[in-house]
Amino acid sequence: MEQANPSLAEATDRSGTASRDAQEPTARFGTGNLVVLSAGDGRAQQQGREAETSMAERWPGLLERVQGAARHIRDVEDRAQEQELHVQELLEQMRVDMDAARARVQAAEQQTRDVHAQATRMIQAAEERADAAEQMLQRIADTIEAEFTVRPGHQAGEAPGARGRSSAA
């Protein structure tokens, strides 16, 4: 019976140790019994170590990639700011050019109005001079007609009543 008890104790000890070993990947000594990890447990540990090693090896590369991405983002942001400044400068120059163009257009329109008004005044003055000349010509024509018209019974250049006097004498 004593042999059964140690077997039972041994089995209990083994099952408790095995469950602990599954949780902790190290070998433990328990009540004088050595628990040996199986090959499956060793492979899991090996894979875990390889994963840790490969992750540790990959960290510098990952950090380098993150730094490269951050540099690229900063470069893109810098270029975007430069382009925005350039666009703002172009817009300001365009505003200045548009204001100057508007001023030139307004000056040209004012000059056109001034020239039109001057032309209108000159035309009106010419029409007034033409009317005055026409009136003067009409008065001259009337005077010529009044002074040099031959009346019936008179000769040209003879004063009226001169004919009758010469016959009476």
Protein backbone atom coordinates (compact mmCIF):
# COMPACT_ATOMS: atom_id res chain seq x y z
CA MET A 1 0.00 0.00 0.00
CA GLU A 2 2.83 2.22 0.66
CA GLN A 3 3.83 1.75 -2.90
CA ALA A 4 0.44 2.95 -4.06
CA ASN A 5 0.68 6.07 -2.00
CA PRO A 6 4.02 7.15 -3.44
CA SER A 7 2.65 6.53 -6.90
CA LEU A 8 -0.36 8.66 -6.15
CA ALA A 9 1.81 11.39 -4.66
CA GLU A 10 4.15 11.13 -7.58
CA ALA A 11 1.29 11.44 -10.07
CA THR A 12 -0.17 14.40 -8.21
CA ASP A 13 3.20 16.04 -8.08
CA ARG A 14 3.79 15.43 -11.75
CA SER A 15 0.41 16.81 -12.83
CA GLY A 16 0.83 19.94 -10.70
CA THR A 17 4.35 20.46 -11.95
CA ALA A 18 3.30 19.85 -15.54
CA SER A 19 0.56 22.45 -15.33
CA ARG A 20 2.99 24.92 -13.80
CA ASP A 21 5.58 24.14 -16.49
CA ALA A 22 3.06 24.78 -19.20
CA GLN A 23 2.60 28.24 -17.75
CA GLU A 24 6.31 28.84 -17.01
CA PRO A 25 8.76 27.59 -19.65
CA THR A 26 11.51 26.69 -17.15
CA ALA A 27 12.27 23.35 -15.57
CA ARG A 28 11.40 23.01 -11.90
CA PHE A 29 12.43 20.76 -9.23
CA GLY A 30 9.63 19.56 -7.14
CA THR A 31 9.79 17.23 -4.10
CA GLY A 32 12.81 15.47 -5.40
CA ASN A 33 11.42 14.74 -8.83
CA LEU A 34 12.87 16.27 -11.97
CA VAL A 35 10.40 17.31 -14.60
CA VAL A 36 11.81 17.16 -18.10
CA LEU A 37 10.21 19.33 -20.71
CA SER A 38 9.12 17.58 -23.81
CA ALA A 39 10.48 18.40 -27.28
CA GLY A 40 7.21 20.20 -28.10
CA ASP A 41 7.78 22.58 -25.23
CA GLY A 42 11.35 23.18 -26.43
CA ARG A 43 10.17 24.03 -29.93
CA ALA A 44 7.70 26.53 -28.55
CA GLN A 45 10.46 28.08 -26.47
CA GLN A 46 12.79 28.10 -29.47
CA GLN A 47 10.12 29.75 -31.63
CA GLY A 48 9.49 32.30 -28.89
CA ARG A 49 13.20 33.07 -28.66
CA GLU A 50 13.46 33.30 -32.46
CA ALA A 51 10.45 35.59 -32.55
CA GLU A 52 12.01 37.76 -29.85
CA THR A 53 15.36 37.71 -31.65
CA SER A 54 13.82 38.48 -35.03
CA MET A 55 11.73 41.27 -33.48
CA ALA A 56 14.85 42.64 -31.79
CA GLU A 57 16.63 42.49 -35.13
CA ARG A 58 13.70 44.13 -36.89
CA TRP A 59 13.35 47.05 -34.44
CA PRO A 60 16.19 49.12 -35.91
CA GLY A 61 14.80 48.61 -39.41
CA LEU A 62 11.31 49.54 -38.26
CA LEU A 63 12.61 52.61 -36.45
CA GLU A 64 14.53 53.58 -39.57
CA ARG A 65 11.37 53.23 -41.65
CA VAL A 66 9.36 55.32 -39.18
CA GLN A 67 12.05 58.00 -39.22
CA GLY A 68 12.13 57.90 -43.02
CA ALA A 69 8.35 58.24 -43.16
CA ALA A 70 8.49 61.15 -40.71
CA ARG A 71 11.18 62.86 -42.83
CA HIS A 72 9.09 62.31 -45.95
CA ILE A 73 6.01 63.77 -44.24
CA ARG A 74 8.02 66.81 -43.12
CA ASP A 75 9.39 67.24 -46.64
CA VAL A 76 5.90 67.01 -48.11
CA GLU A 77 4.59 69.52 -45.56
CA ASP A 78 7.51 71.87 -46.29
CA ARG A 79 6.84 71.67 -50.03
CA ALA A 80 3.13 72.23 -49.42
CA GLN A 81 3.91 75.33 -47.34
CA GLU A 82 6.29 76.62 -50.01
CA GLN A 83 3.68 76.05 -52.68
CA GLU A 84 1.04 77.77 -50.56
CA LEU A 85 3.36 80.76 -50.07
CA HIS A 86 4.04 80.83 -53.80
CA VAL A 87 0.32 80.69 -54.55
CA GLN A 88 -0.32 83.51 -52.05
CA GLU A 89 2.41 85.59 -53.69
CA LEU A 90 0.94 84.92 -57.13
CA LEU A 91 -2.53 85.87 -55.89
CA GLU A 92 -1.21 89.10 -54.40
CA GLN A 93 0.65 89.92 -57.62
CA MET A 94 -2.51 89.15 -59.58
CA ARG A 95 -4.50 91.50 -57.33
CA VAL A 96 -1.93 94.26 -57.87
CA ASP A 97 -1.95 93.65 -61.62
CA MET A 98 -5.76 93.63 -61.71
CA ASP A 99 -5.91 96.90 -59.74
CA ALA A 100 -3.39 98.47 -62.12
CA ALA A 101 -5.36 97.20 -65.12
CA ARG A 102 -8.59 98.61 -63.66
CA ALA A 103 -6.87 101.96 -63.13
CA ARG A 104 -5.61 101.94 -66.74
CA VAL A 105 -9.09 101.05 -68.03
CA GLN A 106 -10.67 103.83 -65.96
CA ALA A 107 -8.05 106.31 -67.20
CA ALA A 108 -8.65 105.22 -70.80
CA GLU A 109 -12.42 105.51 -70.33
CA GLN A 110 -12.00 109.01 -68.84
CA GLN A 111 -9.71 110.00 -71.69
CA THR A 112 -12.28 108.68 -74.18
CA ARG A 113 -15.01 110.73 -72.48
CA ASP A 114 -12.78 113.81 -72.52
CA VAL A 115 -11.90 113.35 -76.20
CA HIS A 116 -15.58 112.80 -77.04
CA ALA A 117 -16.60 115.94 -75.15
CA GLN A 118 -13.85 117.94 -76.86
CA ALA A 119 -14.89 116.58 -80.27
CA THR A 120 -18.52 117.47 -79.51
CA ARG A 121 -17.48 121.02 -78.56
CA MET A 122 -15.37 121.35 -81.70
CA ILE A 123 -18.21 120.08 -83.90
CA GLN A 124 -20.65 122.47 -82.25
CA ALA A 125 -18.22 125.40 -82.73
CA ALA A 126 -17.71 124.43 -86.38
CA GLU A 127 -21.48 124.23 -86.91
CA GLU A 128 -21.88 127.66 -85.29
CA ARG A 129 -19.15 129.10 -87.55
CA ALA A 130 -20.78 127.48 -90.57
CA ASP A 131 -24.17 128.97 -89.59
CA ALA A 132 -22.54 132.40 -89.11
CA ALA A 133 -20.79 132.12 -92.47
CA GLU A 134 -24.03 131.05 -94.11
CA GLN A 135 -25.85 134.02 -92.60
CA MET A 136 -23.07 136.36 -93.74
CA LEU A 137 -23.21 134.94 -97.25
CA GLN A 138 -26.98 135.37 -97.28
CA ARG A 139 -26.63 139.02 -96.21
CA ILE A 140 -23.98 139.58 -98.89
CA ALA A 141 -26.24 137.98 -101.48
CA ASP A 142 -29.16 140.11 -100.35
CA THR A 143 -27.01 143.26 -100.47
CA ILE A 144 -25.70 142.42 -103.93
CA GLU A 145 -29.17 141.71 -105.14
CA ALA A 146 -30.52 144.90 -103.63
CA GLU A 147 -27.75 147.11 -104.96
CA PHE A 148 -27.07 145.60 -108.34
CA THR A 149 -30.38 144.47 -109.57
CA VAL A 150 -31.52 145.93 -112.89
CA ARG A 151 -34.98 147.33 -112.62
CA PRO A 152 -37.19 147.53 -115.61
CA GLY A 153 -36.57 150.68 -117.54
CA HIS A 154 -33.17 151.37 -115.92
CA GLN A 155 -29.79 150.48 -117.26
CA ALA A 156 -27.18 148.96 -115.15
CA GLY A 157 -24.97 151.54 -113.48
CA GLU A 158 -27.47 154.37 -114.05
CA ALA A 159 -29.02 156.01 -111.11
CA PRO A 160 -32.76 156.00 -110.97
CA GLY A 161 -34.24 159.20 -112.34
CA ALA A 162 -31.12 160.12 -114.33
CA ARG A 163 -32.75 159.12 -117.61
CA GLY A 164 -35.57 161.45 -117.20
CA ARG A 165 -33.37 164.41 -116.53
CA SER A 166 -31.21 164.02 -119.52
CA SER A 167 -34.23 163.99 -121.81
CA ALA A 168 -35.68 167.05 -120.19
CA ALA A 169 -32.59 169.02 -120.65
